[in-house]
Amino acid sequence: MTAATTSTNQYLTRFGDHTIAGSQYALKKLGVDRSNCSLKIEEYIILCVPFQLGFRRSILLASLSKQELAFFQKYANSSVGLSIALNPNNRPEPIKFFLRCTLSTLGQMKGRENVGLFVVDYKILPDEMITMLGHYLENQERIKTQYEDYGKTPVKMTAENARIMGYNMYATITEANVPPRRIQVFSLNSKSLEHMEAAGAPIRKPGKNVTYQLFFQKYRIAVAGIITGAGPLPQGIIRTIANIEFCPELVEILDDYWYGLRTNSTLIPLHRIIH
């Protein structure tokens, strides 16, 4: 048994039943080339985007009318081909795969007109693709551990910390049926965020669902939150604290920040070496 086969078997044992949601973050990390993702059904080529990627099947999104979806219904349970290109390691060229599959089901996506869902079962998945998907999920396990670790200590958003984290000093808060409002982030960690708004801003009740947009150089982050407390400061400024959901992009940024601090703290000043 080769090392590659051993590695792929380990990934299948650990993650065989897992799926990867086709979020913008996941597609970027896997290096999905959208221009090289298509489904071949007989002589028809349908451009698509992964909605879910798994080790046994995938669900694909495609822009099709109701009439077109009705036409392709007759190909359910037939053999199809999935072309997909991945480049998680930023190679000069992506790795292109052509996967022989069975079209399990297809139908319209709920709440989305002219968007079809195609469920395909692989006949075989190449070892290299198994390794790419497995490595991504393995990395997500590490990030979820870091989410717990980096949720213990808030980082005050000073000008220096903003520079280190690549934060563009711009953020907004949105709630249902209310336009976005700009906020000033005072501090954050992987699990919570504290921010300020000018006098006259609404004082949100605990339990209120909100969405934050945080603009970093590395990522533009959208993360859901739940208000835990809010109130005015003596100057009239409104201070709000919220718990935020797991966000891998934010955990990555915090990891880079804390890694940089740990690295710098181990450097020995030059004068100590001289003396």
C-alpha atoms as a PDB file:
ATOM      1  CA  MET A   1       0.000   0.000   0.000  1.00  0.00           C
ATOM      2  CA  THR A   2       1.447   3.382  -1.007  1.00  0.00           C
ATOM      3  CA  ALA A   3       1.704   6.379   1.303  1.00  0.00           C
ATOM      4  CA  ALA A   4      -0.870   8.218  -0.836  1.00  0.00           C
ATOM      5  CA  THR A   5      -3.347   5.344  -0.523  1.00  0.00           C
ATOM      6  CA  THR A   6      -2.808   5.187   3.244  1.00  0.00           C
ATOM      7  CA  SER A   7      -3.429   8.926   3.522  1.00  0.00           C
ATOM      8  CA  THR A   8      -6.610   8.835   1.427  1.00  0.00           C
ATOM      9  CA  ASN A   9      -7.953   5.883   3.415  1.00  0.00           C
ATOM     10  CA  GLN A  10      -7.373   7.801   6.633  1.00  0.00           C
ATOM     11  CA  TYR A  11      -9.242  10.804   5.246  1.00  0.00           C
ATOM     12  CA  LEU A  12     -12.124   8.590   4.121  1.00  0.00           C
ATOM     13  CA  THR A  13     -12.300   6.976   7.556  1.00  0.00           C
ATOM     14  CA  ARG A  14     -12.344  10.334   9.330  1.00  0.00           C
ATOM     15  CA  PHE A  15     -14.378  12.427   6.920  1.00  0.00           C
ATOM     16  CA  GLY A  16     -16.143  10.029   4.560  1.00  0.00           C
ATOM     17  CA  ASP A  17     -19.590  11.160   5.691  1.00  0.00           C
ATOM     18  CA  HIS A  18     -18.727  14.865   5.829  1.00  0.00           C
ATOM     19  CA  THR A  19     -19.683  17.462   3.243  1.00  0.00           C
ATOM     20  CA  ILE A  20     -18.150  20.848   2.522  1.00  0.00           C
ATOM     21  CA  ALA A  21     -20.638  23.683   2.066  1.00  0.00           C
ATOM     22  CA  GLY A  22     -19.833  25.709  -1.041  1.00  0.00           C
ATOM     23  CA  SER A  23     -19.307  28.995   0.803  1.00  0.00           C
ATOM     24  CA  GLN A  24     -17.159  31.715  -0.709  1.00  0.00           C
ATOM     25  CA  TYR A  25     -14.529  30.905   1.923  1.00  0.00           C
ATOM     26  CA  ALA A  26     -14.465  27.167   1.147  1.00  0.00           C
ATOM     27  CA  LEU A  27     -14.364  27.683  -2.625  1.00  0.00           C
ATOM     28  CA  LYS A  28     -11.464  30.103  -2.213  1.00  0.00           C
ATOM     29  CA  LYS A  29      -9.535  27.773   0.101  1.00  0.00           C
ATOM     30  CA  LEU A  30     -10.036  24.825  -2.275  1.00  0.00           C
ATOM     31  CA  GLY A  31      -9.107  27.005  -5.231  1.00  0.00           C
ATOM     32  CA  VAL A  32     -12.259  26.108  -7.166  1.00  0.00           C
ATOM     33  CA  ASP A  33     -11.956  27.489 -10.686  1.00  0.00           C
ATOM     34  CA  ARG A  34     -15.531  28.454 -11.537  1.00  0.00           C
ATOM     35  CA  SER A  35     -14.718  28.733 -15.218  1.00  0.00           C
ATOM     36  CA  ASN A  36     -13.728  25.051 -15.192  1.00  0.00           C
ATOM     37  CA  CYS A  37     -16.729  23.569 -13.390  1.00  0.00           C
ATOM     38  CA  SER A  38     -19.372  21.955 -15.578  1.00  0.00           C
ATOM     39  CA  LEU A  39     -21.697  18.989 -15.878  1.00  0.00           C
ATOM     40  CA  LYS A  40     -21.778  16.973 -19.107  1.00  0.00           C
ATOM     41  CA  ILE A  41     -25.104  15.292 -19.832  1.00  0.00           C
ATOM     42  CA  GLU A  42     -24.844  13.516 -23.190  1.00  0.00           C
ATOM     43  CA  GLU A  43     -24.006  16.342 -25.641  1.00  0.00           C
ATOM     44  CA  TYR A  44     -25.047  19.126 -23.223  1.00  0.00           C
ATOM     45  CA  ILE A  45     -22.556  21.115 -21.122  1.00  0.00           C
ATOM     46  CA  ILE A  46     -24.023  22.900 -18.082  1.00  0.00           C
ATOM     47  CA  LEU A  47     -21.888  25.436 -16.211  1.00  0.00           C
ATOM     48  CA  CYS A  48     -22.259  24.956 -12.461  1.00  0.00           C
ATOM     49  CA  VAL A  49     -20.920  25.867  -9.029  1.00  0.00           C
ATOM     50  CA  PRO A  50     -20.481  23.491  -6.067  1.00  0.00           C
ATOM     51  CA  PHE A  51     -23.231  23.882  -3.464  1.00  0.00           C
ATOM     52  CA  GLN A  52     -21.844  20.945  -1.468  1.00  0.00           C
ATOM     53  CA  LEU A  53     -18.740  18.841  -2.024  1.00  0.00           C
ATOM     54  CA  GLY A  54     -18.381  15.395  -0.491  1.00  0.00           C
ATOM     55  CA  PHE A  55     -16.388  12.195  -0.803  1.00  0.00           C
ATOM     56  CA  ARG A  56     -19.286  10.228  -2.276  1.00  0.00           C
ATOM     57  CA  ARG A  57     -21.499  12.850  -3.884  1.00  0.00           C
ATOM     58  CA  SER A  58     -21.770  16.524  -4.699  1.00  0.00           C
ATOM     59  CA  ILE A  59     -24.634  18.967  -5.095  1.00  0.00           C
ATOM     60  CA  LEU A  60     -24.207  21.523  -7.862  1.00  0.00           C
ATOM     61  CA  LEU A  61     -25.938  24.815  -8.634  1.00  0.00           C
ATOM     62  CA  ALA A  62     -26.754  25.770 -12.215  1.00  0.00           C
ATOM     63  CA  SER A  63     -28.658  28.643 -13.784  1.00  0.00           C
ATOM     64  CA  LEU A  64     -31.549  26.984 -15.644  1.00  0.00           C
ATOM     65  CA  SER A  65     -35.138  27.896 -16.393  1.00  0.00           C
ATOM     66  CA  LYS A  66     -38.056  25.731 -15.251  1.00  0.00           C
ATOM     67  CA  GLN A  67     -38.442  24.477 -18.813  1.00  0.00           C
ATOM     68  CA  GLU A  68     -34.771  23.490 -19.003  1.00  0.00           C
ATOM     69  CA  LEU A  69     -34.960  21.705 -15.648  1.00  0.00           C
ATOM     70  CA  ALA A  70     -38.041  19.840 -16.828  1.00  0.00           C
ATOM     71  CA  PHE A  71     -36.145  18.789 -19.956  1.00  0.00           C
ATOM     72  CA  PHE A  72     -33.200  17.366 -17.995  1.00  0.00           C
ATOM     73  CA  GLN A  73     -35.468  15.363 -15.660  1.00  0.00           C
ATOM     74  CA  LYS A  74     -35.368  12.513 -18.147  1.00  0.00           C
ATOM     75  CA  TYR A  75     -31.637  12.077 -17.447  1.00  0.00           C
ATOM     76  CA  ALA A  76     -32.158  11.250 -13.749  1.00  0.00           C
ATOM     77  CA  ASN A  77     -30.262   8.067 -12.787  1.00  0.00           C
ATOM     78  CA  SER A  78     -28.175   8.245 -15.962  1.00  0.00           C
ATOM     79  CA  SER A  79     -24.393   8.550 -16.299  1.00  0.00           C
ATOM     80  CA  VAL A  80     -22.976  12.077 -16.440  1.00  0.00           C
ATOM     81  CA  GLY A  81     -19.541  13.693 -16.223  1.00  0.00           C
ATOM     82  CA  LEU A  82     -18.426  16.357 -13.772  1.00  0.00           C
ATOM     83  CA  SER A  83     -15.485  18.570 -14.717  1.00  0.00           C
ATOM     84  CA  ILE A  84     -13.970  20.465 -11.798  1.00  0.00           C
ATOM     85  CA  ALA A  85     -10.630  22.202 -11.250  1.00  0.00           C
ATOM     86  CA  LEU A  86      -9.094  22.672  -7.782  1.00  0.00           C
ATOM     87  CA  ASN A  87      -6.020  24.593  -6.712  1.00  0.00           C
ATOM     88  CA  PRO A  88      -5.760  24.729  -2.898  1.00  0.00           C
ATOM     89  CA  ASN A  89      -1.982  25.217  -2.953  1.00  0.00           C
ATOM     90  CA  ASN A  90      -1.922  28.143  -5.409  1.00  0.00           C
ATOM     91  CA  ARG A  91      -0.021  26.260  -8.080  1.00  0.00           C
ATOM     92  CA  PRO A  92       0.601  27.969 -11.435  1.00  0.00           C
ATOM     93  CA  GLU A  93      -2.204  25.827 -12.892  1.00  0.00           C
ATOM     94  CA  PRO A  94      -5.195  24.174 -11.165  1.00  0.00           C
ATOM     95  CA  ILE A  95      -5.581  20.407 -11.154  1.00  0.00           C
ATOM     96  CA  LYS A  96      -8.438  19.400 -13.421  1.00  0.00           C
ATOM     97  CA  PHE A  97     -10.600  16.380 -12.663  1.00  0.00           C
ATOM     98  CA  PHE A  98     -13.190  14.642 -14.807  1.00  0.00           C
ATOM     99  CA  LEU A  99     -15.424  12.547 -12.577  1.00  0.00           C
ATOM    100  CA  ARG A 100     -17.792   9.896 -13.884  1.00  0.00           C
ATOM    101  CA  CYS A 101     -21.010  10.136 -11.902  1.00  0.00           C
ATOM    102  CA  THR A 102     -24.640   9.124 -11.733  1.00  0.00           C
ATOM    103  CA  LEU A 103     -27.191  11.933 -11.776  1.00  0.00           C
ATOM    104  CA  SER A 104     -29.170  11.018  -8.673  1.00  0.00           C
ATOM    105  CA  THR A 105     -31.760  13.812  -8.591  1.00  0.00           C
ATOM    106  CA  LEU A 106     -32.323  17.311  -9.911  1.00  0.00           C
ATOM    107  CA  GLY A 107     -34.813  20.056  -9.192  1.00  0.00           C
ATOM    108  CA  GLN A 108     -35.340  23.742  -8.573  1.00  0.00           C
ATOM    109  CA  MET A 109     -33.650  25.330  -5.582  1.00  0.00           C
ATOM    110  CA  LYS A 110     -36.234  26.403  -3.012  1.00  0.00           C
ATOM    111  CA  GLY A 111     -36.774  30.146  -3.061  1.00  0.00           C
ATOM    112  CA  ARG A 112     -34.499  30.689  -6.066  1.00  0.00           C
ATOM    113  CA  GLU A 113     -36.067  31.092  -9.473  1.00  0.00           C
ATOM    114  CA  ASN A 114     -34.071  29.798 -12.434  1.00  0.00           C
ATOM    115  CA  VAL A 115     -31.566  28.011 -10.179  1.00  0.00           C
ATOM    116  CA  GLY A 116     -31.350  24.237 -10.404  1.00  0.00           C
ATOM    117  CA  LEU A 117     -29.800  21.701  -8.022  1.00  0.00           C
ATOM    118  CA  PHE A 118     -28.061  18.640  -9.452  1.00  0.00           C
ATOM    119  CA  VAL A 119     -27.134  15.794  -7.095  1.00  0.00           C
ATOM    120  CA  VAL A 120     -24.406  13.561  -8.517  1.00  0.00           C
ATOM    121  CA  ASP A 121     -22.965  10.363  -7.020  1.00  0.00           C
ATOM    122  CA  TYR A 122     -19.357   9.598  -7.927  1.00  0.00           C
ATOM    123  CA  LYS A 123     -18.487   6.270  -9.460  1.00  0.00           C
ATOM    124  CA  ILE A 124     -14.920   6.811  -8.243  1.00  0.00           C
ATOM    125  CA  LEU A 125     -13.097   9.754  -6.657  1.00  0.00           C
ATOM    126  CA  PRO A 126      -9.371  10.222  -7.439  1.00  0.00           C
ATOM    127  CA  ASP A 127      -6.930   9.952  -4.536  1.00  0.00           C
ATOM    128  CA  GLU A 128      -5.610  13.456  -5.185  1.00  0.00           C
ATOM    129  CA  MET A 129      -9.064  14.990  -4.825  1.00  0.00           C
ATOM    130  CA  ILE A 130      -9.728  12.961  -1.668  1.00  0.00           C
ATOM    131  CA  THR A 131      -6.500  14.375  -0.236  1.00  0.00           C
ATOM    132  CA  MET A 132      -7.484  17.953  -1.115  1.00  0.00           C
ATOM    133  CA  LEU A 133     -10.924  17.645   0.492  1.00  0.00           C
ATOM    134  CA  GLY A 134      -9.510  15.788   3.506  1.00  0.00           C
ATOM    135  CA  HIS A 135      -6.788  18.370   4.065  1.00  0.00           C
ATOM    136  CA  TYR A 136      -9.373  21.163   3.972  1.00  0.00           C
ATOM    137  CA  LEU A 137     -11.562  19.431   6.593  1.00  0.00           C
ATOM    138  CA  GLU A 138      -8.513  18.665   8.725  1.00  0.00           C
ATOM    139  CA  ASN A 139      -7.600  22.338   8.647  1.00  0.00           C
ATOM    140  CA  GLN A 140     -11.168  23.264   9.626  1.00  0.00           C
ATOM    141  CA  GLU A 141     -10.868  21.045  12.701  1.00  0.00           C
ATOM    142  CA  ARG A 142      -7.760  22.988  13.701  1.00  0.00           C
ATOM    143  CA  ILE A 143      -9.552  26.309  13.118  1.00  0.00           C
ATOM    144  CA  LYS A 144     -12.490  25.203  15.297  1.00  0.00           C
ATOM    145  CA  THR A 145     -10.046  24.451  18.112  1.00  0.00           C
ATOM    146  CA  GLN A 146      -8.518  27.893  17.647  1.00  0.00           C
ATOM    147  CA  TYR A 147     -12.027  29.379  17.738  1.00  0.00           C
ATOM    148  CA  GLU A 148     -12.301  28.140  21.323  1.00  0.00           C
ATOM    149  CA  ASP A 149      -8.795  29.323  22.239  1.00  0.00           C
ATOM    150  CA  TYR A 150      -9.100  32.770  20.661  1.00  0.00           C
ATOM    151  CA  GLY A 151     -12.487  33.349  22.288  1.00  0.00           C
ATOM    152  CA  LYS A 152     -10.913  33.820  25.708  1.00  0.00           C
ATOM    153  CA  THR A 153      -8.992  37.068  25.262  1.00  0.00           C
ATOM    154  CA  PRO A 154     -10.371  40.192  23.573  1.00  0.00           C
ATOM    155  CA  VAL A 155      -8.120  42.220  21.291  1.00  0.00           C
ATOM    156  CA  LYS A 156      -8.559  45.978  21.745  1.00  0.00           C
ATOM    157  CA  MET A 157      -8.798  47.563  18.303  1.00  0.00           C
ATOM    158  CA  THR A 158      -6.129  50.220  18.684  1.00  0.00           C
ATOM    159  CA  ALA A 159      -4.574  51.824  15.605  1.00  0.00           C
ATOM    160  CA  GLU A 160      -1.533  49.555  15.997  1.00  0.00           C
ATOM    161  CA  ASN A 161      -3.568  46.363  16.353  1.00  0.00           C
ATOM    162  CA  ALA A 162      -5.711  47.381  13.380  1.00  0.00           C
ATOM    163  CA  ARG A 163      -2.535  47.780  11.332  1.00  0.00           C
ATOM    164  CA  ILE A 164      -1.208  44.382  12.397  1.00  0.00           C
ATOM    165  CA  MET A 165      -4.539  42.660  11.644  1.00  0.00           C
ATOM    166  CA  GLY A 166      -5.035  44.477   8.363  1.00  0.00           C
ATOM    167  CA  TYR A 167      -8.309  45.950   9.590  1.00  0.00           C
ATOM    168  CA  ASN A 168      -9.524  48.818   7.426  1.00  0.00           C
ATOM    169  CA  MET A 169     -11.268  50.581  10.330  1.00  0.00           C
ATOM    170  CA  TYR A 170     -14.655  50.097   8.712  1.00  0.00           C
ATOM    171  CA  ALA A 171     -17.524  47.958  10.009  1.00  0.00           C
ATOM    172  CA  THR A 172     -21.320  47.942   9.910  1.00  0.00           C
ATOM    173  CA  ILE A 173     -24.170  46.361  11.830  1.00  0.00           C
ATOM    174  CA  THR A 174     -27.405  45.243  10.190  1.00  0.00           C
ATOM    175  CA  GLU A 175     -30.663  44.034  11.682  1.00  0.00           C
ATOM    176  CA  ALA A 176     -33.924  42.925  10.092  1.00  0.00           C
ATOM    177  CA  ASN A 177     -35.676  45.632   8.034  1.00  0.00           C
ATOM    178  CA  VAL A 178     -33.141  48.288   9.090  1.00  0.00           C
ATOM    179  CA  PRO A 179     -30.426  49.790   6.847  1.00  0.00           C
ATOM    180  CA  PRO A 180     -26.803  49.058   7.854  1.00  0.00           C
ATOM    181  CA  ARG A 181     -25.255  51.421  10.399  1.00  0.00           C
ATOM    182  CA  ARG A 182     -21.561  52.135  10.674  1.00  0.00           C
ATOM    183  CA  ILE A 183     -19.960  51.165  13.976  1.00  0.00           C
ATOM    184  CA  GLN A 184     -16.588  51.544  15.655  1.00  0.00           C
ATOM    185  CA  VAL A 185     -15.142  48.225  16.790  1.00  0.00           C
ATOM    186  CA  PHE A 186     -13.700  48.641  20.284  1.00  0.00           C
ATOM    187  CA  SER A 187     -12.541  45.051  20.849  1.00  0.00           C
ATOM    188  CA  LEU A 188     -13.148  41.558  19.546  1.00  0.00           C
ATOM    189  CA  ASN A 189     -12.186  37.935  19.819  1.00  0.00           C
ATOM    190  CA  SER A 190     -13.391  34.846  17.962  1.00  0.00           C
ATOM    191  CA  LYS A 191     -16.607  34.664  20.006  1.00  0.00           C
ATOM    192  CA  SER A 192     -17.581  38.224  20.851  1.00  0.00           C
ATOM    193  CA  LEU A 193     -17.448  41.793  19.627  1.00  0.00           C
ATOM    194  CA  GLU A 194     -17.735  45.114  21.454  1.00  0.00           C
ATOM    195  CA  HIS A 195     -18.517  48.237  19.475  1.00  0.00           C
ATOM    196  CA  MET A 196     -19.453  51.890  19.836  1.00  0.00           C
ATOM    197  CA  GLU A 197     -21.994  54.093  18.069  1.00  0.00           C
ATOM    198  CA  ALA A 198     -22.668  57.798  18.228  1.00  0.00           C
ATOM    199  CA  ALA A 199     -25.176  59.268  20.670  1.00  0.00           C
ATOM    200  CA  GLY A 200     -28.717  58.712  19.464  1.00  0.00           C
ATOM    201  CA  ALA A 201     -28.025  55.256  18.073  1.00  0.00           C
ATOM    202  CA  PRO A 202     -30.548  52.559  19.047  1.00  0.00           C
ATOM    203  CA  ILE A 203     -29.979  50.618  22.257  1.00  0.00           C
ATOM    204  CA  ARG A 204     -30.559  47.023  21.170  1.00  0.00           C
ATOM    205  CA  LYS A 205     -32.120  44.566  23.555  1.00  0.00           C
ATOM    206  CA  PRO A 206     -30.297  41.365  24.588  1.00  0.00           C
ATOM    207  CA  GLY A 207     -31.206  38.497  22.274  1.00  0.00           C
ATOM    208  CA  LYS A 208     -31.485  40.708  19.184  1.00  0.00           C
ATOM    209  CA  ASN A 209     -30.121  39.033  16.039  1.00  0.00           C
ATOM    210  CA  VAL A 210     -27.721  41.146  14.003  1.00  0.00           C
ATOM    211  CA  THR A 211     -25.172  40.759  11.217  1.00  0.00           C
ATOM    212  CA  TYR A 212     -21.753  42.396  11.254  1.00  0.00           C
ATOM    213  CA  GLN A 213     -19.659  43.314   8.228  1.00  0.00           C
ATOM    214  CA  LEU A 214     -15.974  43.721   9.054  1.00  0.00           C
ATOM    215  CA  PHE A 215     -13.575  44.943   6.383  1.00  0.00           C
ATOM    216  CA  PHE A 216     -10.070  43.487   6.579  1.00  0.00           C
ATOM    217  CA  GLN A 217      -7.411  43.507   3.888  1.00  0.00           C
ATOM    218  CA  LYS A 218      -7.422  39.697   3.804  1.00  0.00           C
ATOM    219  CA  TYR A 219     -11.193  39.149   3.978  1.00  0.00           C
ATOM    220  CA  ARG A 220     -14.454  41.026   3.962  1.00  0.00           C
ATOM    221  CA  ILE A 221     -16.192  39.239   6.816  1.00  0.00           C
ATOM    222  CA  ALA A 222     -19.921  38.793   7.359  1.00  0.00           C
ATOM    223  CA  VAL A 223     -20.744  37.197  10.696  1.00  0.00           C
ATOM    224  CA  ALA A 224     -24.019  36.730  12.581  1.00  0.00           C
ATOM    225  CA  GLY A 225     -24.284  37.887  16.157  1.00  0.00           C
ATOM    226  CA  ILE A 226     -26.656  38.041  19.120  1.00  0.00           C
ATOM    227  CA  ILE A 227     -26.711  41.118  21.334  1.00  0.00           C
ATOM    228  CA  THR A 228     -25.841  40.366  24.967  1.00  0.00           C
ATOM    229  CA  GLY A 229     -25.843  43.903  26.328  1.00  0.00           C
ATOM    230  CA  ALA A 230     -26.040  47.573  25.329  1.00  0.00           C
ATOM    231  CA  GLY A 231     -26.256  50.954  26.991  1.00  0.00           C
ATOM    232  CA  PRO A 232     -25.045  54.565  26.953  1.00  0.00           C
ATOM    233  CA  LEU A 233     -21.688  55.693  28.299  1.00  0.00           C
ATOM    234  CA  PRO A 234     -21.424  58.970  30.235  1.00  0.00           C
ATOM    235  CA  GLN A 235     -20.564  60.858  27.020  1.00  0.00           C
ATOM    236  CA  GLY A 236     -23.752  59.566  25.370  1.00  0.00           C
ATOM    237  CA  ILE A 237     -21.919  57.077  23.136  1.00  0.00           C
ATOM    238  CA  ILE A 238     -23.753  53.746  22.813  1.00  0.00           C
ATOM    239  CA  ARG A 239     -21.718  50.691  23.809  1.00  0.00           C
ATOM    240  CA  THR A 240     -22.899  47.294  22.543  1.00  0.00           C
ATOM    241  CA  ILE A 241     -21.593  43.774  23.174  1.00  0.00           C
ATOM    242  CA  ALA A 242     -22.568  40.744  21.101  1.00  0.00           C
ATOM    243  CA  ASN A 243     -21.719  37.078  20.864  1.00  0.00           C
ATOM    244  CA  ILE A 244     -20.724  36.138  17.327  1.00  0.00           C
ATOM    245  CA  GLU A 245     -20.912  32.836  15.487  1.00  0.00           C
ATOM    246  CA  PHE A 246     -17.974  30.733  14.334  1.00  0.00           C
ATOM    247  CA  CYS A 247     -16.301  32.510  11.424  1.00  0.00           C
ATOM    248  CA  PRO A 248     -13.219  30.790   9.928  1.00  0.00           C
ATOM    249  CA  GLU A 249     -12.010  33.979   8.243  1.00  0.00           C
ATOM    250  CA  LEU A 250     -11.943  35.839  11.563  1.00  0.00           C
ATOM    251  CA  VAL A 251     -10.213  32.935  13.316  1.00  0.00           C
ATOM    252  CA  GLU A 252      -7.514  32.989  10.620  1.00  0.00           C
ATOM    253  CA  ILE A 253      -6.952  36.712  11.122  1.00  0.00           C
ATOM    254  CA  LEU A 254      -6.747  36.279  14.898  1.00  0.00           C
ATOM    255  CA  ASP A 255      -4.365  33.349  14.465  1.00  0.00           C
ATOM    256  CA  ASP A 256      -2.054  35.508  12.327  1.00  0.00           C
ATOM    257  CA  TYR A 257      -2.255  38.259  14.965  1.00  0.00           C
ATOM    258  CA  TRP A 258      -1.449  36.027  17.953  1.00  0.00           C
ATOM    259  CA  TYR A 259       1.235  34.144  16.017  1.00  0.00           C
ATOM    260  CA  GLY A 260       2.901  37.470  15.212  1.00  0.00           C
ATOM    261  CA  LEU A 261       2.856  38.477  18.871  1.00  0.00           C
ATOM    262  CA  ARG A 262       4.309  35.134  19.977  1.00  0.00           C
ATOM    263  CA  THR A 263       7.050  35.365  17.350  1.00  0.00           C
ATOM    264  CA  ASN A 264       7.997  38.924  18.275  1.00  0.00           C
ATOM    265  CA  SER A 265       8.042  38.104  21.990  1.00  0.00           C
ATOM    266  CA  THR A 266      10.688  35.416  21.416  1.00  0.00           C
ATOM    267  CA  LEU A 267      13.079  37.812  19.671  1.00  0.00           C
ATOM    268  CA  ILE A 268      16.070  38.753  21.812  1.00  0.00           C
ATOM    269  CA  PRO A 269      16.947  42.488  21.738  1.00  0.00           C
ATOM    270  CA  LEU A 270      20.248  43.218  20.007  1.00  0.00           C
ATOM    271  CA  HIS A 271      21.731  45.041  23.030  1.00  0.00           C
ATOM    272  CA  ARG A 272      21.346  41.860  25.119  1.00  0.00           C
ATOM    273  CA  ILE A 273      23.377  39.894  22.556  1.00  0.00           C
ATOM    274  CA  ILE A 274      26.085  42.591  22.488  1.00  0.00           C
ATOM    275  CA  HIS A 275      26.344  42.741  26.271  1.00  0.00           C
END
